[in-house]
Amino acid sequence: MIDEQSKIAVHDTEIKHLQKDMDKLVEDMEEIKKTIGEINKILAEAKGGWHMLMVLGGLGAAVGTAIGWFIEQSVSK
């Protein structure tokens, strides 16, 4: 009878430790979810910035080409 009670006490202690570990894992997962959300937000903002840089680069290339063409036409006359 005493042996069974000591086994139950050991199992109870082990269950408490397991529950504590599970609670810590849940907290860590919530923190990871928040961090991933912040990373997604930053990446979305960066994506918009890259699009703007590409547009500006394209416009710069077009203006540079137009100026080059104009200079070439002016010199060849």
Protein backbone atom coordinates (compact mmCIF):
# COMPACT_ATOMS: atom_id res chain seq x y z
CA MET A 1 0.00 0.00 0.00
CA ILE A 2 2.80 2.40 0.89
CA ASP A 3 4.64 1.45 -2.33
CA GLU A 4 1.59 2.39 -4.38
CA GLN A 5 1.23 5.70 -2.57
CA SER A 6 4.88 6.56 -3.19
CA LYS A 7 4.45 5.70 -6.89
CA ILE A 8 1.40 7.95 -7.05
CA ALA A 9 3.35 10.75 -5.36
CA VAL A 10 6.22 10.32 -7.85
CA HIS A 11 3.80 10.37 -10.78
CA ASP A 12 2.07 13.43 -9.39
CA THR A 13 5.40 15.24 -9.15
CA GLU A 14 6.34 14.19 -12.68
CA ILE A 15 2.99 15.38 -14.02
CA LYS A 16 3.48 18.76 -12.34
CA HIS A 17 6.91 19.10 -13.97
CA LEU A 18 5.50 18.12 -17.35
CA GLN A 19 2.67 20.63 -16.99
CA LYS A 20 5.16 23.35 -16.07
CA ASP A 21 7.24 22.49 -19.16
CA MET A 22 4.14 22.56 -21.37
CA ASP A 23 3.11 25.95 -20.00
CA LYS A 24 6.60 27.28 -20.79
CA LEU A 25 6.38 25.88 -24.34
CA VAL A 26 3.02 27.57 -24.89
CA GLU A 27 4.46 30.89 -23.71
CA ASP A 28 7.45 30.47 -26.03
CA MET A 29 5.18 29.65 -28.97
CA GLU A 30 3.13 32.79 -28.37
CA GLU A 31 6.32 34.86 -28.29
CA ILE A 32 7.48 33.24 -31.54
CA LYS A 33 4.13 34.01 -33.18
CA LYS A 34 4.44 37.67 -32.23
CA THR A 35 8.00 37.82 -33.55
CA ILE A 36 7.00 36.21 -36.85
CA GLY A 37 4.17 38.74 -37.18
CA GLU A 38 6.63 41.59 -36.70
CA ILE A 39 9.00 40.07 -39.28
CA ASN A 40 6.15 39.75 -41.79
CA LYS A 41 5.24 43.40 -41.24
CA ILE A 42 8.84 44.53 -41.81
CA LEU A 43 9.15 42.39 -44.95
CA ALA A 44 5.91 43.82 -46.34
CA GLU A 45 7.19 47.34 -45.77
CA ALA A 46 10.56 46.48 -47.37
CA LYS A 47 8.78 44.99 -50.38
CA GLY A 48 7.03 48.30 -51.00
CA GLY A 49 10.34 50.13 -50.65
CA TRP A 50 12.01 47.86 -53.22
CA HIS A 51 9.19 48.46 -55.66
CA MET A 52 9.65 52.21 -55.30
CA LEU A 53 13.41 51.91 -55.84
CA MET A 54 12.83 49.87 -59.00
CA VAL A 55 10.40 52.46 -60.33
CA LEU A 56 12.83 55.28 -59.59
CA GLY A 57 15.67 53.33 -61.21
CA GLY A 58 13.56 52.74 -64.31
CA LEU A 59 12.64 56.40 -64.50
CA GLY A 60 16.27 57.40 -64.09
CA ALA A 61 17.31 55.05 -66.88
CA ALA A 62 14.60 56.39 -69.16
CA VAL A 63 15.57 60.02 -68.48
CA GLY A 64 19.25 59.18 -69.00
CA THR A 65 18.46 57.48 -72.30
CA ALA A 66 16.38 60.45 -73.45
CA ILE A 67 19.16 62.89 -72.57
CA GLY A 68 21.70 60.72 -74.37
CA TRP A 69 19.50 60.52 -77.45
CA PHE A 70 18.93 64.28 -77.41
CA ILE A 71 22.68 64.98 -77.11
CA GLU A 72 23.43 62.54 -79.93
CA GLN A 73 20.83 64.17 -82.16
CA SER A 74 22.16 67.63 -81.36
CA VAL A 75 25.80 66.73 -82.07
CA SER A 76 25.10 64.83 -85.31
CA LYS A 77 23.40 67.86 -86.97
